[in-house]
């Protein structure tokens, strides 16, 4: 059975998923909210050595919480954690959240999230005691829909991808009745490109020319011979703890348990390894969440169910790799941050081969 992108090639090709972005060019930061139409089962996997997160422990398979009301990805480092509070306020005001009783007690929206570090990018961060992220969290919820921008949008507004401008990327895959999508904010220490070329590490997973169709170099140099930090953030600044992060959400319409969703998140991290080199470093805060909306039941027979789960995890990893490249390809120059298309415009207009 062939796997193909959904009609939007966005995470919102998964039924019941909306995304809202808010960003500021002057601040060079932003917020992205993934908003399911109804509460959805969730899990997460943290691989980076310097993560910034909220409510991830609640997603442990042994925990009480079975479903969440939204997931937030934010710029702003620790200030961006307030974006989750804004989303909680917006959801709670609309009666959306966890409830144990119908006695008028306010609901408790469950909104996990993760942040990336975009503070030193030249934007106006002179916000005093009122950083904008809480308000941006509310606004992103209100703006949520099926269509949204990539690149310099939402949490990807102020992001970097190695020495290039990073951004927000998304991709989807339809596999029979199953739908899988990924949304990634790329702010990695590592590089998304084969050293010295315009070719994405994720090129073997590209579908329908979705990030330029540059393909794979015909005579790639042995990767082990290349400087492992080539094209990384080290080209423009020394590494700093918490200074980089790639965060994202995978969504599927499959009906999963929390343990199964956690395993999908673990498998999906391989997509980051396929698209960024190096990844999961000491200075990255890489986090991936999984949302399962539950519209499609998996096989009852244990062996058949395992095969379906492994297939979902494999497709999710490919979607993650594609979303990384799409986010970098869609990004635009911002201040001193040079975008992929700007840097390689001459090569891409002629021969992209190196």
C-alpha atoms as a PDB file:
ATOM      1  CA  UNK A   1       0.000   0.000   0.000  1.00  0.00           C
ATOM      2  CA  UNK A   2       1.478   3.328  -1.011  1.00  0.00           C
ATOM      3  CA  UNK A   3       2.009   6.096   1.517  1.00  0.00           C
ATOM      4  CA  UNK A   4       1.263   9.608   0.334  1.00  0.00           C
ATOM      5  CA  UNK A   5       1.018  13.112   1.821  1.00  0.00           C
ATOM      6  CA  UNK A   6      -2.395  14.330   2.888  1.00  0.00           C
ATOM      7  CA  UNK A   7      -4.170  17.112   0.963  1.00  0.00           C
ATOM      8  CA  UNK A   8      -2.517  19.874   3.027  1.00  0.00           C
ATOM      9  CA  UNK A   9       0.698  17.988   3.838  1.00  0.00           C
ATOM     10  CA  UNK A  10       0.284  19.309   7.370  1.00  0.00           C
ATOM     11  CA  UNK A  11      -0.370  17.723  10.745  1.00  0.00           C
ATOM     12  CA  UNK A  12      -3.956  18.928  10.341  1.00  0.00           C
ATOM     13  CA  UNK A  13      -4.514  16.198   7.757  1.00  0.00           C
ATOM     14  CA  UNK A  14      -5.143  14.096  10.873  1.00  0.00           C
ATOM     15  CA  UNK A  15      -8.868  14.390  11.563  1.00  0.00           C
ATOM     16  CA  UNK A  16      -9.709  16.535  14.567  1.00  0.00           C
ATOM     17  CA  UNK A  17      -6.412  18.442  14.779  1.00  0.00           C
ATOM     18  CA  UNK A  18      -6.045  22.225  14.467  1.00  0.00           C
ATOM     19  CA  UNK A  19      -2.965  24.430  14.796  1.00  0.00           C
ATOM     20  CA  UNK A  20      -2.700  28.084  15.785  1.00  0.00           C
ATOM     21  CA  UNK A  21       0.353  30.313  15.384  1.00  0.00           C
ATOM     22  CA  UNK A  22       1.200  33.694  16.855  1.00  0.00           C
ATOM     23  CA  UNK A  23       4.524  35.391  16.212  1.00  0.00           C
ATOM     24  CA  UNK A  24       6.214  38.778  16.366  1.00  0.00           C
ATOM     25  CA  UNK A  25       8.808  39.990  13.874  1.00  0.00           C
ATOM     26  CA  UNK A  26      10.025  42.636  16.310  1.00  0.00           C
ATOM     27  CA  UNK A  27      10.416  40.203  19.222  1.00  0.00           C
ATOM     28  CA  UNK A  28      11.618  37.427  16.859  1.00  0.00           C
ATOM     29  CA  UNK A  29       9.710  34.774  18.742  1.00  0.00           C
ATOM     30  CA  UNK A  30       6.335  33.105  18.777  1.00  0.00           C
ATOM     31  CA  UNK A  31       4.000  30.363  19.973  1.00  0.00           C
ATOM     32  CA  UNK A  32       2.342  27.372  18.312  1.00  0.00           C
ATOM     33  CA  UNK A  33      -0.641  25.529  19.782  1.00  0.00           C
ATOM     34  CA  UNK A  34      -1.822  22.101  18.633  1.00  0.00           C
ATOM     35  CA  UNK A  35      -5.497  21.927  19.517  1.00  0.00           C
ATOM     36  CA  UNK A  36      -7.513  18.703  19.185  1.00  0.00           C
ATOM     37  CA  UNK A  37     -11.249  19.076  18.638  1.00  0.00           C
ATOM     38  CA  UNK A  38     -11.793  16.785  21.636  1.00  0.00           C
ATOM     39  CA  UNK A  39      -9.498  15.641  24.423  1.00  0.00           C
ATOM     40  CA  UNK A  40      -6.872  13.306  22.970  1.00  0.00           C
ATOM     41  CA  UNK A  41      -4.588  10.665  24.425  1.00  0.00           C
ATOM     42  CA  UNK A  42      -0.996  11.874  24.645  1.00  0.00           C
ATOM     43  CA  UNK A  43       2.543  10.779  25.410  1.00  0.00           C
ATOM     44  CA  UNK A  44       6.010  12.255  25.065  1.00  0.00           C
ATOM     45  CA  UNK A  45       9.680  11.388  24.787  1.00  0.00           C
ATOM     46  CA  UNK A  46      12.515  13.679  25.898  1.00  0.00           C
ATOM     47  CA  UNK A  47      15.944  13.097  24.325  1.00  0.00           C
ATOM     48  CA  UNK A  48      17.803  16.406  24.523  1.00  0.00           C
ATOM     49  CA  UNK A  49      20.188  17.132  27.355  1.00  0.00           C
ATOM     50  CA  UNK A  50      18.729  20.578  28.163  1.00  0.00           C
ATOM     51  CA  UNK A  51      14.920  20.377  27.915  1.00  0.00           C
ATOM     52  CA  UNK A  52      12.379  22.950  29.035  1.00  0.00           C
ATOM     53  CA  UNK A  53       8.954  21.387  29.535  1.00  0.00           C
ATOM     54  CA  UNK A  54       5.652  21.534  31.390  1.00  0.00           C
ATOM     55  CA  UNK A  55       3.416  18.641  32.513  1.00  0.00           C
ATOM     56  CA  UNK A  56       5.419  15.955  30.769  1.00  0.00           C
ATOM     57  CA  UNK A  57       5.443  13.777  33.908  1.00  0.00           C
ATOM     58  CA  UNK A  58       1.651  13.657  33.734  1.00  0.00           C
ATOM     59  CA  UNK A  59       1.967  11.832  30.419  1.00  0.00           C
ATOM     60  CA  UNK A  60       3.866   8.899  31.910  1.00  0.00           C
ATOM     61  CA  UNK A  61       1.959   5.674  31.162  1.00  0.00           C
ATOM     62  CA  UNK A  62       1.646   5.014  34.909  1.00  0.00           C
ATOM     63  CA  UNK A  63      -0.009   8.380  35.557  1.00  0.00           C
ATOM     64  CA  UNK A  64      -3.672   9.314  35.984  1.00  0.00           C
ATOM     65  CA  UNK A  65      -3.979  11.649  33.007  1.00  0.00           C
ATOM     66  CA  UNK A  66      -5.215   9.800  29.925  1.00  0.00           C
ATOM     67  CA  UNK A  67      -5.893  12.756  27.650  1.00  0.00           C
ATOM     68  CA  UNK A  68      -4.827  16.347  27.068  1.00  0.00           C
ATOM     69  CA  UNK A  69      -6.611  19.447  25.813  1.00  0.00           C
ATOM     70  CA  UNK A  70      -3.750  21.009  23.837  1.00  0.00           C
ATOM     71  CA  UNK A  71      -0.010  20.918  23.365  1.00  0.00           C
ATOM     72  CA  UNK A  72       2.039  24.108  23.178  1.00  0.00           C
ATOM     73  CA  UNK A  73       5.395  24.729  21.499  1.00  0.00           C
ATOM     74  CA  UNK A  74       6.943  28.087  22.339  1.00  0.00           C
ATOM     75  CA  UNK A  75       9.970  30.233  21.840  1.00  0.00           C
ATOM     76  CA  UNK A  76      11.232  32.391  24.673  1.00  0.00           C
ATOM     77  CA  UNK A  77      13.103  29.844  26.768  1.00  0.00           C
ATOM     78  CA  UNK A  78      11.725  29.785  30.343  1.00  0.00           C
ATOM     79  CA  UNK A  79       9.529  32.804  29.622  1.00  0.00           C
ATOM     80  CA  UNK A  80       7.773  30.747  26.960  1.00  0.00           C
ATOM     81  CA  UNK A  81       6.445  28.307  29.556  1.00  0.00           C
ATOM     82  CA  UNK A  82       3.808  30.958  30.276  1.00  0.00           C
ATOM     83  CA  UNK A  83       2.310  30.239  26.858  1.00  0.00           C
ATOM     84  CA  UNK A  84       0.897  27.040  28.335  1.00  0.00           C
ATOM     85  CA  UNK A  85      -0.775  29.126  31.064  1.00  0.00           C
ATOM     86  CA  UNK A  86      -2.415  31.261  28.394  1.00  0.00           C
ATOM     87  CA  UNK A  87      -3.731  28.178  26.644  1.00  0.00           C
ATOM     88  CA  UNK A  88      -5.025  26.808  29.960  1.00  0.00           C
ATOM     89  CA  UNK A  89      -6.911  30.063  30.616  1.00  0.00           C
ATOM     90  CA  UNK A  90      -8.445  30.061  27.124  1.00  0.00           C
ATOM     91  CA  UNK A  91      -9.547  26.435  27.368  1.00  0.00           C
ATOM     92  CA  UNK A  92     -10.828  26.713  30.939  1.00  0.00           C
ATOM     93  CA  UNK A  93     -12.987  29.706  30.068  1.00  0.00           C
ATOM     94  CA  UNK A  94     -14.673  27.487  27.481  1.00  0.00           C
ATOM     95  CA  UNK A  95     -15.204  24.564  29.836  1.00  0.00           C
ATOM     96  CA  UNK A  96     -12.623  22.391  28.139  1.00  0.00           C
ATOM     97  CA  UNK A  97     -10.524  20.316  30.503  1.00  0.00           C
ATOM     98  CA  UNK A  98     -10.248  17.471  32.986  1.00  0.00           C
ATOM     99  CA  UNK A  99     -13.133  17.127  35.426  1.00  0.00           C
ATOM    100  CA  UNK A 100     -13.977  14.662  38.191  1.00  0.00           C
ATOM    101  CA  UNK A 101     -17.394  16.084  39.031  1.00  0.00           C
ATOM    102  CA  UNK A 102     -20.286  18.051  37.553  1.00  0.00           C
ATOM    103  CA  UNK A 103     -20.825  20.212  40.619  1.00  0.00           C
ATOM    104  CA  UNK A 104     -19.693  23.504  39.153  1.00  0.00           C
ATOM    105  CA  UNK A 105     -16.038  23.009  40.048  1.00  0.00           C
ATOM    106  CA  UNK A 106     -13.898  24.573  37.307  1.00  0.00           C
ATOM    107  CA  UNK A 107     -12.349  22.147  34.869  1.00  0.00           C
ATOM    108  CA  UNK A 108      -8.582  21.691  34.778  1.00  0.00           C
ATOM    109  CA  UNK A 109      -7.238  21.894  31.229  1.00  0.00           C
ATOM    110  CA  UNK A 110      -4.217  19.653  30.725  1.00  0.00           C
ATOM    111  CA  UNK A 111      -1.744  21.446  28.456  1.00  0.00           C
ATOM    112  CA  UNK A 112       1.763  19.989  28.235  1.00  0.00           C
ATOM    113  CA  UNK A 113       4.369  21.883  26.281  1.00  0.00           C
ATOM    114  CA  UNK A 114       8.004  22.530  25.517  1.00  0.00           C
ATOM    115  CA  UNK A 115      10.108  25.610  24.837  1.00  0.00           C
ATOM    116  CA  UNK A 116      13.068  26.465  22.656  1.00  0.00           C
ATOM    117  CA  UNK A 117      15.830  29.023  23.193  1.00  0.00           C
ATOM    118  CA  UNK A 118      15.592  32.037  20.863  1.00  0.00           C
ATOM    119  CA  UNK A 119      16.528  34.850  23.262  1.00  0.00           C
ATOM    120  CA  UNK A 120      19.838  36.030  21.686  1.00  0.00           C
ATOM    121  CA  UNK A 121      18.530  36.473  18.122  1.00  0.00           C
ATOM    122  CA  UNK A 122      18.429  40.283  18.128  1.00  0.00           C
ATOM    123  CA  UNK A 123      14.713  40.710  18.769  1.00  0.00           C
ATOM    124  CA  UNK A 124      13.240  43.142  21.271  1.00  0.00           C
ATOM    125  CA  UNK A 125      13.138  41.200  24.529  1.00  0.00           C
ATOM    126  CA  UNK A 126      12.729  44.291  26.730  1.00  0.00           C
ATOM    127  CA  UNK A 127       9.418  43.094  28.171  1.00  0.00           C
ATOM    128  CA  UNK A 128      10.135  43.754  31.844  1.00  0.00           C
ATOM    129  CA  UNK A 129       7.706  41.838  34.050  1.00  0.00           C
ATOM    130  CA  UNK A 130       5.185  41.173  31.291  1.00  0.00           C
ATOM    131  CA  UNK A 131       6.646  38.828  28.670  1.00  0.00           C
ATOM    132  CA  UNK A 132       4.137  38.294  25.859  1.00  0.00           C
ATOM    133  CA  UNK A 133       3.957  34.507  25.882  1.00  0.00           C
ATOM    134  CA  UNK A 134       0.886  34.046  28.077  1.00  0.00           C
ATOM    135  CA  UNK A 135      -1.127  36.332  25.817  1.00  0.00           C
ATOM    136  CA  UNK A 136       0.323  34.657  22.736  1.00  0.00           C
ATOM    137  CA  UNK A 137      -0.815  31.284  24.114  1.00  0.00           C
ATOM    138  CA  UNK A 138      -4.390  32.594  24.299  1.00  0.00           C
ATOM    139  CA  UNK A 139      -4.187  34.136  20.854  1.00  0.00           C
ATOM    140  CA  UNK A 140      -2.761  30.988  19.287  1.00  0.00           C
ATOM    141  CA  UNK A 141      -5.688  28.956  20.643  1.00  0.00           C
ATOM    142  CA  UNK A 142      -8.142  31.470  19.203  1.00  0.00           C
ATOM    143  CA  UNK A 143      -6.338  31.382  15.840  1.00  0.00           C
ATOM    144  CA  UNK A 144      -6.300  27.579  15.543  1.00  0.00           C
ATOM    145  CA  UNK A 145      -7.467  26.118  12.255  1.00  0.00           C
ATOM    146  CA  UNK A 146      -6.675  23.503   9.651  1.00  0.00           C
ATOM    147  CA  UNK A 147      -4.418  25.759   7.560  1.00  0.00           C
ATOM    148  CA  UNK A 148      -1.338  27.494   8.938  1.00  0.00           C
ATOM    149  CA  UNK A 149       1.996  28.927   7.806  1.00  0.00           C
ATOM    150  CA  UNK A 150       5.406  27.256   7.932  1.00  0.00           C
ATOM    151  CA  UNK A 151       8.901  28.713   8.279  1.00  0.00           C
ATOM    152  CA  UNK A 152       8.989  31.990  10.202  1.00  0.00           C
ATOM    153  CA  UNK A 153       5.749  31.217  11.996  1.00  0.00           C
ATOM    154  CA  UNK A 154       4.726  30.433  15.537  1.00  0.00           C
ATOM    155  CA  UNK A 155       7.428  28.796  17.618  1.00  0.00           C
ATOM    156  CA  UNK A 156       9.677  28.736  14.540  1.00  0.00           C
ATOM    157  CA  UNK A 157       9.754  32.520  14.186  1.00  0.00           C
ATOM    158  CA  UNK A 158      13.090  33.088  15.909  1.00  0.00           C
ATOM    159  CA  UNK A 159      14.554  29.614  15.474  1.00  0.00           C
ATOM    160  CA  UNK A 160      17.880  28.575  13.958  1.00  0.00           C
ATOM    161  CA  UNK A 161      18.843  25.283  12.303  1.00  0.00           C
ATOM    162  CA  UNK A 162      22.554  24.982  12.819  1.00  0.00           C
ATOM    163  CA  UNK A 163      24.010  28.065  11.111  1.00  0.00           C
ATOM    164  CA  UNK A 164      20.872  28.587   8.971  1.00  0.00           C
ATOM    165  CA  UNK A 165      17.537  30.161   9.814  1.00  0.00           C
ATOM    166  CA  UNK A 166      15.279  27.519  11.307  1.00  0.00           C
ATOM    167  CA  UNK A 167      11.524  27.430  11.338  1.00  0.00           C
ATOM    168  CA  UNK A 168       8.252  25.625  11.782  1.00  0.00           C
ATOM    169  CA  UNK A 169       7.733  22.576   9.559  1.00  0.00           C
ATOM    170  CA  UNK A 170       4.979  20.050   9.081  1.00  0.00           C
ATOM    171  CA  UNK A 171       4.261  16.967   6.987  1.00  0.00           C
ATOM    172  CA  UNK A 172       1.625  14.254   6.813  1.00  0.00           C
ATOM    173  CA  UNK A 173       1.189  10.727   5.526  1.00  0.00           C
ATOM    174  CA  UNK A 174      -1.916   8.731   4.654  1.00  0.00           C
ATOM    175  CA  UNK A 175      -1.534   4.968   4.986  1.00  0.00           C
ATOM    176  CA  UNK A 176      -4.844   3.310   4.186  1.00  0.00           C
ATOM    177  CA  UNK A 177      -7.285   4.480   6.881  1.00  0.00           C
ATOM    178  CA  UNK A 178      -4.450   5.624   9.124  1.00  0.00           C
ATOM    179  CA  UNK A 179      -3.419   9.266   9.239  1.00  0.00           C
ATOM    180  CA  UNK A 180      -0.086  10.459  10.650  1.00  0.00           C
ATOM    181  CA  UNK A 181       1.268  14.001  10.799  1.00  0.00           C
ATOM    182  CA  UNK A 182       4.195  15.841  12.353  1.00  0.00           C
ATOM    183  CA  UNK A 183       4.736  19.448  13.402  1.00  0.00           C
ATOM    184  CA  UNK A 184       8.309  20.446  14.262  1.00  0.00           C
ATOM    185  CA  UNK A 185       9.890  23.697  15.473  1.00  0.00           C
ATOM    186  CA  UNK A 186      13.504  23.411  14.300  1.00  0.00           C
ATOM    187  CA  UNK A 187      16.021  25.226  16.484  1.00  0.00           C
ATOM    188  CA  UNK A 188      18.791  22.653  16.457  1.00  0.00           C
ATOM    189  CA  UNK A 189      22.470  22.882  17.316  1.00  0.00           C
ATOM    190  CA  UNK A 190      23.130  20.425  14.485  1.00  0.00           C
ATOM    191  CA  UNK A 191      22.810  20.994  10.758  1.00  0.00           C
ATOM    192  CA  UNK A 192      19.973  19.815   8.487  1.00  0.00           C
ATOM    193  CA  UNK A 193      22.332  19.733   5.470  1.00  0.00           C
ATOM    194  CA  UNK A 194      24.955  17.377   4.116  1.00  0.00           C
ATOM    195  CA  UNK A 195      28.215  19.294   4.782  1.00  0.00           C
ATOM    196  CA  UNK A 196      29.146  21.778   2.059  1.00  0.00           C
ATOM    197  CA  UNK A 197      26.022  21.130  -0.012  1.00  0.00           C
ATOM    198  CA  UNK A 198      22.415  22.335  -0.358  1.00  0.00           C
ATOM    199  CA  UNK A 199      21.184  18.760   0.112  1.00  0.00           C
ATOM    200  CA  UNK A 200      19.019  17.967   3.120  1.00  0.00           C
ATOM    201  CA  UNK A 201      19.888  14.966   5.260  1.00  0.00           C
ATOM    202  CA  UNK A 202      16.171  14.210   5.004  1.00  0.00           C
ATOM    203  CA  UNK A 203      16.277  14.030   1.173  1.00  0.00           C
ATOM    204  CA  UNK A 204      15.672  10.240   0.954  1.00  0.00           C
ATOM    205  CA  UNK A 205      12.313  10.742   2.712  1.00  0.00           C
ATOM    206  CA  UNK A 206      11.043  13.646   0.590  1.00  0.00           C
ATOM    207  CA  UNK A 207       7.649  13.212  -1.080  1.00  0.00           C
ATOM    208  CA  UNK A 208       6.464  15.169  -4.117  1.00  0.00           C
ATOM    209  CA  UNK A 209       9.268  17.752  -3.995  1.00  0.00           C
ATOM    210  CA  UNK A 210       7.931  19.103  -0.706  1.00  0.00           C
ATOM    211  CA  UNK A 211      11.207  20.781   0.301  1.00  0.00           C
ATOM    212  CA  UNK A 212      12.557  21.778  -3.078  1.00  0.00           C
ATOM    213  CA  UNK A 213      13.330  18.462  -4.714  1.00  0.00           C
ATOM    214  CA  UNK A 214      17.086  19.032  -4.461  1.00  0.00           C
ATOM    215  CA  UNK A 215      17.585  15.327  -3.894  1.00  0.00           C
ATOM    216  CA  UNK A 216      20.726  13.558  -2.786  1.00  0.00           C
ATOM    217  CA  UNK A 217      24.245  14.330  -4.053  1.00  0.00           C
ATOM    218  CA  UNK A 218      25.326  11.844  -6.723  1.00  0.00           C
ATOM    219  CA  UNK A 219      28.754  11.440  -5.134  1.00  0.00           C
ATOM    220  CA  UNK A 220      28.356  12.111  -1.423  1.00  0.00           C
ATOM    221  CA  UNK A 221      31.538  12.109   0.605  1.00  0.00           C
ATOM    222  CA  UNK A 222      31.717   9.486   3.362  1.00  0.00           C
ATOM    223  CA  UNK A 223      29.877  11.002   6.304  1.00  0.00           C
ATOM    224  CA  UNK A 224      32.464   9.748   8.773  1.00  0.00           C
ATOM    225  CA  UNK A 225      35.122  11.776   6.941  1.00  0.00           C
ATOM    226  CA  UNK A 226      33.217  15.019   7.469  1.00  0.00           C
ATOM    227  CA  UNK A 227      33.652  17.333  10.409  1.00  0.00           C
ATOM    228  CA  UNK A 228      30.826  16.226  12.736  1.00  0.00           C
ATOM    229  CA  UNK A 229      29.922  19.842  13.550  1.00  0.00           C
ATOM    230  CA  UNK A 230      29.952  21.092   9.930  1.00  0.00           C
ATOM    231  CA  UNK A 231      27.089  23.532   9.387  1.00  0.00           C
ATOM    232  CA  UNK A 232      26.082  23.411  13.051  1.00  0.00           C
ATOM    233  CA  UNK A 233      25.484  26.331  15.403  1.00  0.00           C
ATOM    234  CA  UNK A 234      29.178  26.083  16.291  1.00  0.00           C
ATOM    235  CA  UNK A 235      29.859  27.941  13.018  1.00  0.00           C
ATOM    236  CA  UNK A 236      28.312  31.101  14.461  1.00  0.00           C
ATOM    237  CA  UNK A 237      28.522  30.789  18.251  1.00  0.00           C
ATOM    238  CA  UNK A 238      29.996  28.555  20.944  1.00  0.00           C
ATOM    239  CA  UNK A 239      27.594  25.978  22.391  1.00  0.00           C
ATOM    240  CA  UNK A 240      25.641  26.945  25.489  1.00  0.00           C
ATOM    241  CA  UNK A 241      23.443  24.761  27.715  1.00  0.00           C
ATOM    242  CA  UNK A 242      19.805  25.122  26.683  1.00  0.00           C
ATOM    243  CA  UNK A 243      20.795  27.204  23.676  1.00  0.00           C
ATOM    244  CA  UNK A 244      19.145  24.940  21.116  1.00  0.00           C
ATOM    245  CA  UNK A 245      16.165  22.647  20.808  1.00  0.00           C
ATOM    246  CA  UNK A 246      13.988  20.826  18.298  1.00  0.00           C
ATOM    247  CA  UNK A 247      10.483  20.274  19.634  1.00  0.00           C
ATOM    248  CA  UNK A 248       7.386  18.893  18.003  1.00  0.00           C
ATOM    249  CA  UNK A 249       4.139  16.973  17.942  1.00  0.00           C
ATOM    250  CA  UNK A 250       3.131  13.827  16.086  1.00  0.00           C
ATOM    251  CA  UNK A 251      -0.584  13.199  15.629  1.00  0.00           C
ATOM    252  CA  UNK A 252      -2.410  10.086  14.477  1.00  0.00           C
ATOM    253  CA  UNK A 253      -6.032   9.017  14.220  1.00  0.00           C
ATOM    254  CA  UNK A 254      -5.168   5.575  15.608  1.00  0.00           C
ATOM    255  CA  UNK A 255      -6.661   4.444  18.906  1.00  0.00           C
ATOM    256  CA  UNK A 256      -3.604   3.902  21.112  1.00  0.00           C
ATOM    257  CA  UNK A 257      -2.833   3.240  24.750  1.00  0.00           C
ATOM    258  CA  UNK A 258      -0.496   5.629  26.568  1.00  0.00           C
ATOM    259  CA  UNK A 259       2.285   3.054  26.490  1.00  0.00           C
ATOM    260  CA  UNK A 260       1.818   2.550  22.765  1.00  0.00           C
ATOM    261  CA  UNK A 261       1.832   6.295  22.157  1.00  0.00           C
ATOM    262  CA  UNK A 262       5.044   6.610  24.163  1.00  0.00           C
ATOM    263  CA  UNK A 263       6.697   3.990  21.961  1.00  0.00           C
ATOM    264  CA  UNK A 264       5.554   5.889  18.855  1.00  0.00           C
ATOM    265  CA  UNK A 265       7.201   9.021  20.292  1.00  0.00           C
ATOM    266  CA  UNK A 266      10.430   7.101  20.868  1.00  0.00           C
ATOM    267  CA  UNK A 267      10.391   5.736  17.321  1.00  0.00           C
ATOM    268  CA  UNK A 268       9.601   9.181  15.913  1.00  0.00           C
ATOM    269  CA  UNK A 269      12.779  10.589  17.477  1.00  0.00           C
ATOM    270  CA  UNK A 270      14.599   8.631  14.770  1.00  0.00           C
ATOM    271  CA  UNK A 271      13.205  11.167  12.328  1.00  0.00           C
ATOM    272  CA  UNK A 272      15.249  13.872  14.027  1.00  0.00           C
ATOM    273  CA  UNK A 273      18.345  11.682  13.742  1.00  0.00           C
ATOM    274  CA  UNK A 274      17.669  11.254  10.014  1.00  0.00           C
ATOM    275  CA  UNK A 275      17.278  14.997   9.431  1.00  0.00           C
ATOM    276  CA  UNK A 276      19.773  16.735  11.761  1.00  0.00           C
ATOM    277  CA  UNK A 277      23.436  16.017  12.550  1.00  0.00           C
ATOM    278  CA  UNK A 278      24.339  15.938  15.408  1.00  0.00           C
ATOM    279  CA  UNK A 279      21.105  15.634  17.393  1.00  0.00           C
ATOM    280  CA  UNK A 280      20.091  15.022  21.035  1.00  0.00           C
ATOM    281  CA  UNK A 281      23.238  16.771  22.241  1.00  0.00           C
ATOM    282  CA  UNK A 282      24.059  18.108  25.672  1.00  0.00           C
ATOM    283  CA  UNK A 283      22.870  21.584  24.609  1.00  0.00           C
ATOM    284  CA  UNK A 284      19.647  20.550  22.839  1.00  0.00           C
ATOM    285  CA  UNK A 285      16.290  20.231  24.588  1.00  0.00           C
ATOM    286  CA  UNK A 286      14.667  17.886  22.068  1.00  0.00           C
ATOM    287  CA  UNK A 287      11.124  16.784  22.955  1.00  0.00           C
ATOM    288  CA  UNK A 288       8.469  15.024  20.872  1.00  0.00           C
ATOM    289  CA  UNK A 289       4.823  14.627  21.874  1.00  0.00           C
ATOM    290  CA  UNK A 290       2.280  12.208  20.406  1.00  0.00           C
ATOM    291  CA  UNK A 291      -1.464  12.884  20.142  1.00  0.00           C
ATOM    292  CA  UNK A 292      -3.808  10.011  19.307  1.00  0.00           C
ATOM    293  CA  UNK A 293      -7.354  11.054  18.439  1.00  0.00           C
ATOM    294  CA  UNK A 294      -8.640   7.453  18.421  1.00  0.00           C
ATOM    295  CA  UNK A 295     -10.764   7.437  15.284  1.00  0.00           C
ATOM    296  CA  UNK A 296      -9.315   4.214  13.860  1.00  0.00           C
ATOM    297  CA  UNK A 297      -9.148   0.998  15.887  1.00  0.00           C
ATOM    298  CA  UNK A 298      -6.129  -1.219  15.457  1.00  0.00           C
ATOM    299  CA  UNK A 299      -6.210  -4.984  15.025  1.00  0.00           C
ATOM    300  CA  UNK A 300      -7.326  -7.084  17.981  1.00  0.00           C
ATOM    301  CA  UNK A 301      -4.847  -9.915  17.375  1.00  0.00           C
ATOM    302  CA  UNK A 302      -1.624  -9.103  19.276  1.00  0.00           C
ATOM    303  CA  UNK A 303       0.739  -9.926  16.406  1.00  0.00           C
ATOM    304  CA  UNK A 304      -1.282  -7.880  13.909  1.00  0.00           C
ATOM    305  CA  UNK A 305      -1.545  -4.980  16.334  1.00  0.00           C
ATOM    306  CA  UNK A 306       2.225  -4.976  16.850  1.00  0.00           C
ATOM    307  CA  UNK A 307       2.785  -4.782  13.110  1.00  0.00           C
ATOM    308  CA  UNK A 308       0.390  -1.853  12.830  1.00  0.00           C
ATOM    309  CA  UNK A 309       2.062  -0.051  15.731  1.00  0.00           C
ATOM    310  CA  UNK A 310       5.515  -0.515  14.238  1.00  0.00           C
ATOM    311  CA  UNK A 311       4.244   0.774  10.917  1.00  0.00           C
ATOM    312  CA  UNK A 312       2.779   3.898  12.550  1.00  0.00           C
ATOM    313  CA  UNK A 313       6.072   4.539  14.352  1.00  0.00           C
ATOM    314  CA  UNK A 314       8.066   4.160  11.149  1.00  0.00           C
ATOM    315  CA  UNK A 315       5.773   6.476   9.199  1.00  0.00           C
ATOM    316  CA  UNK A 316       5.874   8.982  12.076  1.00  0.00           C
ATOM    317  CA  UNK A 317       9.691   9.040  11.999  1.00  0.00           C
ATOM    318  CA  UNK A 318       9.626   9.727   8.250  1.00  0.00           C
ATOM    319  CA  UNK A 319       7.084  12.533   8.786  1.00  0.00           C
ATOM    320  CA  UNK A 320       9.333  14.077  11.428  1.00  0.00           C
ATOM    321  CA  UNK A 321      12.339  14.052   9.070  1.00  0.00           C
ATOM    322  CA  UNK A 322      10.254  15.611   6.285  1.00  0.00           C
ATOM    323  CA  UNK A 323       8.812  18.243   8.633  1.00  0.00           C
ATOM    324  CA  UNK A 324      12.314  19.289   9.739  1.00  0.00           C
ATOM    325  CA  UNK A 325      13.409  19.890   6.154  1.00  0.00           C
ATOM    326  CA  UNK A 326      10.148  21.647   5.264  1.00  0.00           C
ATOM    327  CA  UNK A 327      10.554  24.034   8.193  1.00  0.00           C
ATOM    328  CA  UNK A 328      14.082  24.993   7.162  1.00  0.00           C
ATOM    329  CA  UNK A 329      13.158  25.211   3.466  1.00  0.00           C
ATOM    330  CA  UNK A 330      10.176  27.475   4.198  1.00  0.00           C
ATOM    331  CA  UNK A 331      12.092  29.846   6.481  1.00  0.00           C
ATOM    332  CA  UNK A 332      12.997  33.383   5.407  1.00  0.00           C
ATOM    333  CA  UNK A 333      15.936  35.609   6.347  1.00  0.00           C
ATOM    334  CA  UNK A 334      15.540  37.296   9.718  1.00  0.00           C
ATOM    335  CA  UNK A 335      18.085  39.874  10.810  1.00  0.00           C
ATOM    336  CA  UNK A 336      21.516  38.262  10.567  1.00  0.00           C
ATOM    337  CA  UNK A 337      20.006  34.783  10.199  1.00  0.00           C
ATOM    338  CA  UNK A 338      20.379  33.626   6.593  1.00  0.00           C
ATOM    339  CA  UNK A 339      17.741  31.263   5.224  1.00  0.00           C
ATOM    340  CA  UNK A 340      18.263  28.124   3.171  1.00  0.00           C
ATOM    341  CA  UNK A 341      16.678  29.586   0.052  1.00  0.00           C
ATOM    342  CA  UNK A 342      18.660  32.796   0.343  1.00  0.00           C
ATOM    343  CA  UNK A 343      21.993  31.027   0.827  1.00  0.00           C
ATOM    344  CA  UNK A 344      21.505  28.526  -1.977  1.00  0.00           C
ATOM    345  CA  UNK A 345      19.377  30.509  -4.451  1.00  0.00           C
ATOM    346  CA  UNK A 346      22.100  30.562  -7.119  1.00  0.00           C
ATOM    347  CA  UNK A 347      22.810  26.845  -6.864  1.00  0.00           C
ATOM    348  CA  UNK A 348      19.133  25.937  -6.728  1.00  0.00           C
ATOM    349  CA  UNK A 349      18.312  28.001  -9.803  1.00  0.00           C
ATOM    350  CA  UNK A 350      21.016  26.184 -11.748  1.00  0.00           C
ATOM    351  CA  UNK A 351      22.411  22.823 -10.837  1.00  0.00           C
ATOM    352  CA  UNK A 352      21.982  21.776  -7.223  1.00  0.00           C
ATOM    353  CA  UNK A 353      24.549  19.007  -7.603  1.00  0.00           C
ATOM    354  CA  UNK A 354      27.843  19.282  -5.776  1.00  0.00           C
END
